[in-house]
Amino acid sequence: MSKELSASAQKVQNVLETHGFNCQVIELPDNTRSAKEAAQAIRCRVEQIAKSLVFKGKHTNKPILVVASGSNRVNERKLSEHVSEPVEKADADFIRDRTGFAIGGVPPIGHLERLETFIDEDLLQHEKIWAAAGNPYAVFKLTPDDLKKMTDGQVISVK
């Protein structure tokens, strides 16, 4: 008997299905808020976690999504060069207002508005990766090709 998904996780599942992705959202008993916690709960390597980080342009206030490998830290100066303006990490209210999701559960898709998206080139090394799916307990498995297709993101070095 399968357990019903929470509303936010179901929203992500619906977006995946609507866009033709054969990915299954699952909710785990353990918190997946951080990349390390997610890797432990899923039983994969931290590098296989596709963490969705939201930044904003300091001048335009434009939301920018970086889907980074769980082991990498985003170099904000390098990201600023890609978006042609200084960036800063977005706060919790900005993230929820622009994506519809809370920190720790932001998926790479299904946001309230289109976000300019960058994908960490290190994620392409893995056959399978895992992304957040709407809340700190929900995830889904996908391929790097799926990630590129679903986000239309630009692959860059984020470190």
N, C-alpha and C. Protein backbone atom coordinates (compact mmCIF):
# COMPACT_ATOMS: atom_id res chain seq x y z
N MET A 1 0.85 -1.18 0.00
CA MET A 1 0.00 0.00 0.00
C MET A 1 0.89 1.24 0.00
N SER A 2 0.69 2.13 -0.97
CA SER A 2 1.53 3.31 -1.05
C SER A 2 0.93 4.45 -0.23
N LYS A 3 1.80 5.20 0.38
CA LYS A 3 1.40 6.34 1.20
C LYS A 3 1.15 7.54 0.29
N GLU A 4 0.13 8.29 0.58
CA GLU A 4 -0.17 9.50 -0.19
C GLU A 4 0.90 10.55 0.05
N LEU A 5 1.27 11.26 -1.00
CA LEU A 5 2.27 12.32 -0.88
C LEU A 5 1.67 13.56 -0.25
N SER A 6 2.51 14.33 0.43
CA SER A 6 2.08 15.63 0.95
C SER A 6 1.74 16.53 -0.24
N ALA A 7 1.06 17.63 0.02
CA ALA A 7 0.61 18.52 -1.05
C ALA A 7 1.79 19.06 -1.88
N SER A 8 2.86 19.48 -1.22
CA SER A 8 3.99 20.04 -1.96
C SER A 8 4.71 18.98 -2.78
N ALA A 9 4.85 17.78 -2.24
CA ALA A 9 5.49 16.69 -2.98
C ALA A 9 4.60 16.25 -4.15
N GLN A 10 3.30 16.23 -3.94
CA GLN A 10 2.37 15.86 -5.02
C GLN A 10 2.42 16.89 -6.14
N LYS A 11 2.59 18.15 -5.78
CA LYS A 11 2.71 19.21 -6.78
C LYS A 11 3.91 18.93 -7.70
N VAL A 12 5.04 18.55 -7.10
CA VAL A 12 6.23 18.23 -7.88
C VAL A 12 5.98 16.99 -8.74
N GLN A 13 5.35 15.98 -8.18
CA GLN A 13 5.04 14.76 -8.95
C GLN A 13 4.16 15.11 -10.16
N ASN A 14 3.18 15.96 -9.95
CA ASN A 14 2.29 16.36 -11.05
C ASN A 14 3.05 17.09 -12.15
N VAL A 15 3.96 17.99 -11.76
CA VAL A 15 4.76 18.72 -12.76
C VAL A 15 5.63 17.74 -13.54
N LEU A 16 6.25 16.80 -12.86
CA LEU A 16 7.08 15.79 -13.54
C LEU A 16 6.25 15.03 -14.58
N GLU A 17 5.08 14.57 -14.17
CA GLU A 17 4.22 13.80 -15.07
C GLU A 17 3.73 14.65 -16.23
N THR A 18 3.31 15.88 -15.95
CA THR A 18 2.82 16.78 -16.99
C THR A 18 3.88 17.01 -18.07
N HIS A 19 5.14 17.08 -17.66
CA HIS A 19 6.22 17.33 -18.61
C HIS A 19 6.85 16.05 -19.15
N GLY A 20 6.25 14.90 -18.86
CA GLY A 20 6.68 13.64 -19.46
C GLY A 20 7.90 13.00 -18.84
N PHE A 21 8.22 13.34 -17.60
CA PHE A 21 9.37 12.73 -16.94
C PHE A 21 8.91 11.55 -16.10
N ASN A 22 9.56 10.43 -16.28
CA ASN A 22 9.20 9.21 -15.58
C ASN A 22 10.00 9.12 -14.27
N CYS A 23 9.77 10.08 -13.40
CA CYS A 23 10.45 10.15 -12.11
C CYS A 23 9.40 10.00 -11.02
N GLN A 24 9.74 9.30 -9.96
CA GLN A 24 8.80 9.05 -8.88
C GLN A 24 9.23 9.79 -7.61
N VAL A 25 8.40 10.69 -7.14
CA VAL A 25 8.66 11.39 -5.88
C VAL A 25 8.41 10.44 -4.73
N ILE A 26 9.35 10.41 -3.79
CA ILE A 26 9.17 9.62 -2.58
C ILE A 26 9.39 10.52 -1.37
N GLU A 27 8.69 10.21 -0.31
CA GLU A 27 8.91 10.92 0.95
C GLU A 27 9.54 9.95 1.94
N LEU A 28 10.60 10.40 2.55
CA LEU A 28 11.39 9.58 3.46
C LEU A 28 11.10 9.93 4.91
N PRO A 29 11.34 9.00 5.81
CA PRO A 29 11.13 9.31 7.23
C PRO A 29 12.21 10.24 7.79
N ASP A 30 13.37 10.28 7.12
CA ASP A 30 14.47 11.12 7.58
C ASP A 30 14.51 12.43 6.80
N ASN A 31 14.93 13.48 7.49
CA ASN A 31 15.05 14.81 6.91
C ASN A 31 16.10 14.81 5.81
N THR A 32 15.80 15.47 4.69
CA THR A 32 16.75 15.61 3.59
C THR A 32 17.07 17.08 3.32
N ARG A 33 16.95 17.91 4.35
CA ARG A 33 17.12 19.36 4.20
C ARG A 33 18.53 19.72 3.70
N SER A 34 19.56 19.08 4.21
CA SER A 34 20.92 19.36 3.74
C SER A 34 21.36 18.23 2.81
N ALA A 35 22.38 18.50 2.01
CA ALA A 35 22.89 17.47 1.09
C ALA A 35 23.39 16.25 1.86
N LYS A 36 24.06 16.50 2.97
CA LYS A 36 24.57 15.38 3.78
C LYS A 36 23.43 14.53 4.34
N GLU A 37 22.40 15.19 4.86
CA GLU A 37 21.24 14.46 5.39
C GLU A 37 20.53 13.69 4.28
N ALA A 38 20.41 14.31 3.12
CA ALA A 38 19.75 13.65 1.99
C ALA A 38 20.53 12.40 1.57
N ALA A 39 21.83 12.53 1.45
CA ALA A 39 22.66 11.39 1.04
C ALA A 39 22.55 10.24 2.04
N GLN A 40 22.52 10.58 3.33
CA GLN A 40 22.38 9.53 4.35
C GLN A 40 21.01 8.86 4.25
N ALA A 41 19.97 9.64 4.08
CA ALA A 41 18.61 9.09 4.01
C ALA A 41 18.41 8.23 2.76
N ILE A 42 18.99 8.66 1.65
CA ILE A 42 18.81 7.96 0.37
C ILE A 42 19.81 6.81 0.23
N ARG A 43 20.92 6.92 0.94
CA ARG A 43 22.02 5.96 0.85
C ARG A 43 22.75 6.09 -0.50
N CYS A 44 23.13 7.34 -0.77
CA CYS A 44 23.94 7.62 -1.96
C CYS A 44 25.08 8.53 -1.53
N ARG A 45 25.91 8.89 -2.48
CA ARG A 45 27.02 9.80 -2.17
C ARG A 45 26.52 11.24 -2.18
N VAL A 46 27.12 12.08 -1.37
CA VAL A 46 26.75 13.50 -1.29
C VAL A 46 26.85 14.15 -2.67
N GLU A 47 27.82 13.73 -3.46
CA GLU A 47 28.02 14.30 -4.80
C GLU A 47 26.82 14.07 -5.72
N GLN A 48 25.98 13.07 -5.41
CA GLN A 48 24.82 12.74 -6.23
C GLN A 48 23.58 13.55 -5.86
N ILE A 49 23.68 14.36 -4.84
CA ILE A 49 22.56 15.21 -4.44
C ILE A 49 22.58 16.48 -5.29
N ALA A 50 21.47 16.76 -5.95
CA ALA A 50 21.32 17.97 -6.76
C ALA A 50 20.61 19.00 -5.91
N LYS A 51 21.37 19.83 -5.23
CA LYS A 51 20.76 20.81 -4.33
C LYS A 51 20.37 22.06 -5.10
N SER A 52 19.15 22.51 -4.88
CA SER A 52 18.62 23.70 -5.55
C SER A 52 18.83 24.91 -4.64
N LEU A 53 19.68 25.82 -5.10
CA LEU A 53 20.00 27.02 -4.32
C LEU A 53 19.50 28.24 -5.07
N VAL A 54 18.80 29.10 -4.37
CA VAL A 54 18.25 30.29 -5.00
C VAL A 54 19.06 31.52 -4.59
N PHE A 55 19.47 32.26 -5.60
CA PHE A 55 20.19 33.52 -5.42
C PHE A 55 19.33 34.62 -6.02
N LYS A 56 19.71 35.85 -5.78
CA LYS A 56 19.01 36.96 -6.44
C LYS A 56 20.01 37.99 -6.90
N GLY A 57 19.67 38.60 -8.01
CA GLY A 57 20.50 39.68 -8.53
C GLY A 57 20.38 40.89 -7.63
N LYS A 58 21.51 41.47 -7.25
CA LYS A 58 21.50 42.62 -6.33
C LYS A 58 20.86 43.86 -6.95
N HIS A 59 20.94 43.99 -8.27
CA HIS A 59 20.38 45.18 -8.94
C HIS A 59 18.96 44.93 -9.42
N THR A 60 18.72 43.76 -10.01
CA THR A 60 17.42 43.48 -10.64
C THR A 60 16.46 42.75 -9.72
N ASN A 61 16.99 42.17 -8.64
CA ASN A 61 16.18 41.34 -7.73
C ASN A 61 15.65 40.08 -8.44
N LYS A 62 16.29 39.72 -9.54
CA LYS A 62 15.90 38.57 -10.34
C LYS A 62 16.28 37.27 -9.63
N PRO A 63 15.35 36.28 -9.54
CA PRO A 63 15.70 35.00 -8.94
C PRO A 63 16.57 34.17 -9.87
N ILE A 64 17.56 33.54 -9.31
CA ILE A 64 18.50 32.71 -10.07
C ILE A 64 18.62 31.38 -9.34
N LEU A 65 18.41 30.30 -10.07
CA LEU A 65 18.51 28.97 -9.49
C LEU A 65 19.82 28.33 -9.90
N VAL A 66 20.52 27.78 -8.93
CA VAL A 66 21.72 26.99 -9.19
C VAL A 66 21.44 25.60 -8.65
N VAL A 67 21.54 24.61 -9.53
CA VAL A 67 21.40 23.22 -9.11
C VAL A 67 22.81 22.67 -9.02
N ALA A 68 23.29 22.54 -7.80
CA ALA A 68 24.69 22.21 -7.54
C ALA A 68 24.83 20.82 -6.95
N SER A 69 25.97 20.21 -7.21
CA SER A 69 26.30 18.95 -6.57
C SER A 69 26.38 19.17 -5.07
N GLY A 70 25.89 18.22 -4.30
CA GLY A 70 25.84 18.35 -2.85
C GLY A 70 27.16 18.60 -2.18
N SER A 71 28.24 18.26 -2.84
CA SER A 71 29.56 18.46 -2.23
C SER A 71 30.19 19.80 -2.59
N ASN A 72 29.55 20.55 -3.47
CA ASN A 72 30.14 21.81 -3.94
C ASN A 72 29.51 23.04 -3.31
N ARG A 73 30.34 24.03 -3.14
CA ARG A 73 29.89 25.34 -2.68
C ARG A 73 29.90 26.27 -3.90
N VAL A 74 28.85 27.04 -4.07
CA VAL A 74 28.74 27.93 -5.23
C VAL A 74 29.62 29.16 -5.03
N ASN A 75 30.42 29.45 -6.04
CA ASN A 75 31.26 30.63 -6.06
C ASN A 75 30.39 31.78 -6.57
N GLU A 76 29.97 32.66 -5.67
CA GLU A 76 29.05 33.73 -6.03
C GLU A 76 29.67 34.71 -7.03
N ARG A 77 30.96 34.94 -6.95
CA ARG A 77 31.62 35.84 -7.89
C ARG A 77 31.54 35.26 -9.31
N LYS A 78 31.78 33.97 -9.43
CA LYS A 78 31.71 33.32 -10.75
C LYS A 78 30.27 33.35 -11.28
N LEU A 79 29.30 33.10 -10.40
CA LEU A 79 27.89 33.15 -10.80
C LEU A 79 27.52 34.56 -11.25
N SER A 80 28.01 35.57 -10.56
CA SER A 80 27.76 36.97 -10.91
C SER A 80 28.20 37.27 -12.33
N GLU A 81 29.32 36.68 -12.74
CA GLU A 81 29.81 36.88 -14.12
C GLU A 81 28.83 36.30 -15.14
N HIS A 82 28.22 35.19 -14.81
CA HIS A 82 27.27 34.54 -15.74
C HIS A 82 25.97 35.34 -15.88
N VAL A 83 25.57 36.05 -14.83
CA VAL A 83 24.31 36.79 -14.89
C VAL A 83 24.51 38.30 -15.07
N SER A 84 25.76 38.70 -15.19
CA SER A 84 26.12 40.10 -15.46
C SER A 84 25.66 41.08 -14.38
N GLU A 85 25.63 40.62 -13.15
CA GLU A 85 25.36 41.49 -12.02
C GLU A 85 25.76 40.75 -10.74
N PRO A 86 26.06 41.49 -9.69
CA PRO A 86 26.37 40.83 -8.42
C PRO A 86 25.16 40.03 -7.93
N VAL A 87 25.42 38.92 -7.25
CA VAL A 87 24.35 38.09 -6.70
C VAL A 87 24.56 37.91 -5.21
N GLU A 88 23.47 37.54 -4.55
CA GLU A 88 23.54 37.18 -3.14
C GLU A 88 22.56 36.05 -2.89
N LYS A 89 22.81 35.29 -1.83
CA LYS A 89 21.86 34.24 -1.48
C LYS A 89 20.53 34.87 -1.11
N ALA A 90 19.46 34.25 -1.59
CA ALA A 90 18.13 34.75 -1.29
C ALA A 90 17.70 34.31 0.10
N ASP A 91 16.85 35.12 0.74
CA ASP A 91 16.34 34.73 2.05
C ASP A 91 15.10 33.84 1.90
N ALA A 92 14.66 33.29 3.01
CA ALA A 92 13.56 32.32 3.01
C ALA A 92 12.28 32.88 2.40
N ASP A 93 11.94 34.12 2.71
CA ASP A 93 10.71 34.72 2.17
C ASP A 93 10.81 34.89 0.66
N PHE A 94 11.93 35.38 0.17
CA PHE A 94 12.14 35.56 -1.26
C PHE A 94 12.00 34.22 -1.98
N ILE A 95 12.63 33.19 -1.41
CA ILE A 95 12.60 31.85 -2.03
C ILE A 95 11.18 31.33 -2.11
N ARG A 96 10.44 31.41 -1.02
CA ARG A 96 9.05 30.92 -1.03
C ARG A 96 8.18 31.75 -1.98
N ASP A 97 8.37 33.07 -2.00
CA ASP A 97 7.58 33.94 -2.87
C ASP A 97 7.85 33.66 -4.35
N ARG A 98 9.06 33.33 -4.70
CA ARG A 98 9.42 33.15 -6.11
C ARG A 98 9.28 31.71 -6.59
N THR A 99 9.47 30.74 -5.67
CA THR A 99 9.42 29.34 -6.09
C THR A 99 8.14 28.63 -5.65
N GLY A 100 7.56 29.08 -4.54
CA GLY A 100 6.41 28.37 -3.98
C GLY A 100 6.81 27.28 -3.01
N PHE A 101 8.11 27.17 -2.74
CA PHE A 101 8.62 26.12 -1.86
C PHE A 101 9.51 26.73 -0.78
N ALA A 102 9.63 26.01 0.34
CA ALA A 102 10.49 26.45 1.44
C ALA A 102 11.90 25.92 1.27
N ILE A 103 12.85 26.62 1.86
CA ILE A 103 14.25 26.17 1.87
C ILE A 103 14.30 24.73 2.39
N GLY A 104 15.12 23.93 1.76
CA GLY A 104 15.26 22.53 2.15
C GLY A 104 14.38 21.60 1.33
N GLY A 105 13.46 22.18 0.56
CA GLY A 105 12.59 21.36 -0.26
C GLY A 105 12.42 21.90 -1.67
N VAL A 106 13.22 22.90 -2.04
CA VAL A 106 13.08 23.52 -3.36
C VAL A 106 13.51 22.53 -4.44
N PRO A 107 12.59 22.17 -5.33
CA PRO A 107 12.93 21.27 -6.43
C PRO A 107 13.52 22.06 -7.60
N PRO A 108 14.07 21.38 -8.58
CA PRO A 108 14.60 22.09 -9.74
C PRO A 108 13.51 22.54 -10.72
N ILE A 109 12.27 22.14 -10.50
CA ILE A 109 11.15 22.48 -11.40
C ILE A 109 9.91 22.84 -10.59
N GLY A 110 8.89 23.32 -11.30
CA GLY A 110 7.59 23.55 -10.65
C GLY A 110 7.47 24.85 -9.89
N HIS A 111 8.31 25.81 -10.20
CA HIS A 111 8.31 27.08 -9.46
C HIS A 111 7.16 27.99 -9.90
N LEU A 112 6.86 28.98 -9.08
CA LEU A 112 5.80 29.94 -9.39
C LEU A 112 6.14 30.80 -10.60
N GLU A 113 7.42 31.03 -10.82
CA GLU A 113 7.85 31.81 -11.98
C GLU A 113 9.10 31.17 -12.57
N ARG A 114 9.41 31.54 -13.78
CA ARG A 114 10.59 30.99 -14.44
C ARG A 114 11.84 31.58 -13.81
N LEU A 115 12.77 30.71 -13.44
CA LEU A 115 14.03 31.14 -12.86
C LEU A 115 15.15 30.85 -13.84
N GLU A 116 16.04 31.83 -14.03
CA GLU A 116 17.23 31.55 -14.83
C GLU A 116 17.99 30.47 -14.06
N THR A 117 18.37 29.41 -14.76
CA THR A 117 18.91 28.23 -14.08
C THR A 117 20.28 27.85 -14.59
N PHE A 118 21.14 27.51 -13.64
CA PHE A 118 22.49 27.04 -13.93
C PHE A 118 22.67 25.68 -13.26
N ILE A 119 23.30 24.76 -13.99
CA ILE A 119 23.52 23.40 -13.50
C ILE A 119 25.02 23.19 -13.30
N ASP A 120 25.37 22.68 -12.15
CA ASP A 120 26.76 22.36 -11.82
C ASP A 120 27.25 21.25 -12.74
N GLU A 121 28.33 21.52 -13.46
CA GLU A 121 28.88 20.52 -14.39
C GLU A 121 29.26 19.22 -13.68
N ASP A 122 29.57 19.28 -12.39
CA ASP A 122 29.95 18.07 -11.66
C ASP A 122 28.81 17.06 -11.55
N LEU A 123 27.56 17.51 -11.66
CA LEU A 123 26.43 16.58 -11.61
C LEU A 123 26.40 15.66 -12.82
N LEU A 124 26.98 16.09 -13.93
CA LEU A 124 26.95 15.31 -15.16
C LEU A 124 27.83 14.06 -15.09
N GLN A 125 28.64 13.93 -14.06
CA GLN A 125 29.51 12.77 -13.90
C GLN A 125 28.75 11.53 -13.43
N HIS A 126 27.53 11.72 -12.95
CA HIS A 126 26.80 10.63 -12.31
C HIS A 126 25.69 10.08 -13.21
N GLU A 127 25.50 8.78 -13.11
CA GLU A 127 24.44 8.14 -13.88
C GLU A 127 23.07 8.54 -13.32
N LYS A 128 22.97 8.57 -12.00
CA LYS A 128 21.73 8.96 -11.32
C LYS A 128 22.04 10.01 -10.26
N ILE A 129 21.12 10.96 -10.14
CA ILE A 129 21.23 11.99 -9.11
C ILE A 129 19.88 12.10 -8.41
N TRP A 130 19.86 12.80 -7.29
CA TRP A 130 18.63 12.96 -6.51
C TRP A 130 18.38 14.44 -6.24
N ALA A 131 17.13 14.85 -6.38
CA ALA A 131 16.77 16.25 -6.16
C ALA A 131 15.63 16.35 -5.16
N ALA A 132 15.53 17.51 -4.50
CA ALA A 132 14.43 17.77 -3.58
C ALA A 132 13.12 17.82 -4.35
N ALA A 133 12.04 17.50 -3.65
CA ALA A 133 10.74 17.40 -4.31
C ALA A 133 9.64 18.09 -3.52
N GLY A 134 9.90 19.30 -3.04
CA GLY A 134 8.83 20.09 -2.47
C GLY A 134 8.83 20.27 -0.97
N ASN A 135 9.50 19.39 -0.24
CA ASN A 135 9.62 19.56 1.21
C ASN A 135 10.88 18.85 1.68
N PRO A 136 11.31 19.05 2.93
CA PRO A 136 12.57 18.48 3.40
C PRO A 136 12.61 16.96 3.53
N TYR A 137 11.52 16.28 3.22
CA TYR A 137 11.50 14.82 3.28
C TYR A 137 11.28 14.17 1.92
N ALA A 138 11.02 14.98 0.90
CA ALA A 138 10.67 14.45 -0.42
C ALA A 138 11.82 14.62 -1.41
N VAL A 139 12.06 13.57 -2.20
CA VAL A 139 13.11 13.56 -3.21
C VAL A 139 12.64 12.79 -4.43
N PHE A 140 13.36 12.96 -5.53
CA PHE A 140 13.15 12.09 -6.68
C PHE A 140 14.48 11.85 -7.37
N LYS A 141 14.57 10.66 -7.99
CA LYS A 141 15.78 10.26 -8.70
C LYS A 141 15.62 10.63 -10.17
N LEU A 142 16.71 11.13 -10.75
CA LEU A 142 16.69 11.52 -12.15
C LEU A 142 18.08 11.38 -12.74
N THR A 143 18.18 11.58 -14.04
CA THR A 143 19.49 11.56 -14.69
C THR A 143 19.92 13.01 -14.93
N PRO A 144 21.21 13.22 -15.14
CA PRO A 144 21.66 14.57 -15.50
C PRO A 144 20.98 15.08 -16.79
N ASP A 145 20.73 14.19 -17.74
CA ASP A 145 20.02 14.61 -18.96
C ASP A 145 18.61 15.07 -18.64
N ASP A 146 17.93 14.34 -17.73
CA ASP A 146 16.60 14.77 -17.30
C ASP A 146 16.67 16.19 -16.72
N LEU A 147 17.67 16.42 -15.87
CA LEU A 147 17.82 17.72 -15.22
C LEU A 147 18.00 18.83 -16.26
N LYS A 148 18.84 18.58 -17.25
CA LYS A 148 19.06 19.58 -18.29
C LYS A 148 17.77 19.86 -19.05
N LYS A 149 17.02 18.82 -19.38
CA LYS A 149 15.77 18.99 -20.13
C LYS A 149 14.71 19.70 -19.31
N MET A 150 14.55 19.31 -18.06
CA MET A 150 13.46 19.87 -17.25
C MET A 150 13.70 21.32 -16.84
N THR A 151 14.96 21.73 -16.74
CA THR A 151 15.25 23.09 -16.29
C THR A 151 15.65 24.03 -17.42
N ASP A 152 16.07 23.45 -18.54
CA ASP A 152 16.65 24.22 -19.63
C ASP A 152 17.81 25.06 -19.09
N GLY A 153 18.51 24.48 -18.11
CA GLY A 153 19.59 25.20 -17.44
C GLY A 153 20.89 25.16 -18.22
N GLN A 154 21.71 26.16 -17.97
CA GLN A 154 23.03 26.25 -18.57
C GLN A 154 24.02 25.53 -17.67
N VAL A 155 24.79 24.62 -18.24
CA VAL A 155 25.79 23.86 -17.47
C VAL A 155 27.04 24.73 -17.31
N ILE A 156 27.46 24.91 -16.06
CA ILE A 156 28.63 25.74 -15.75
C ILE A 156 29.43 25.10 -14.62
N SER A 157 30.63 25.60 -14.41
CA SER A 157 31.40 25.25 -13.23
C SER A 157 30.94 26.22 -12.12
N VAL A 158 30.46 25.69 -11.03
CA VAL A 158 29.95 26.56 -9.96
C VAL A 158 30.96 26.79 -8.84
N LYS A 159 32.01 25.95 -8.80
CA LYS A 159 32.99 26.04 -7.72
C LYS A 159 33.91 27.23 -7.87
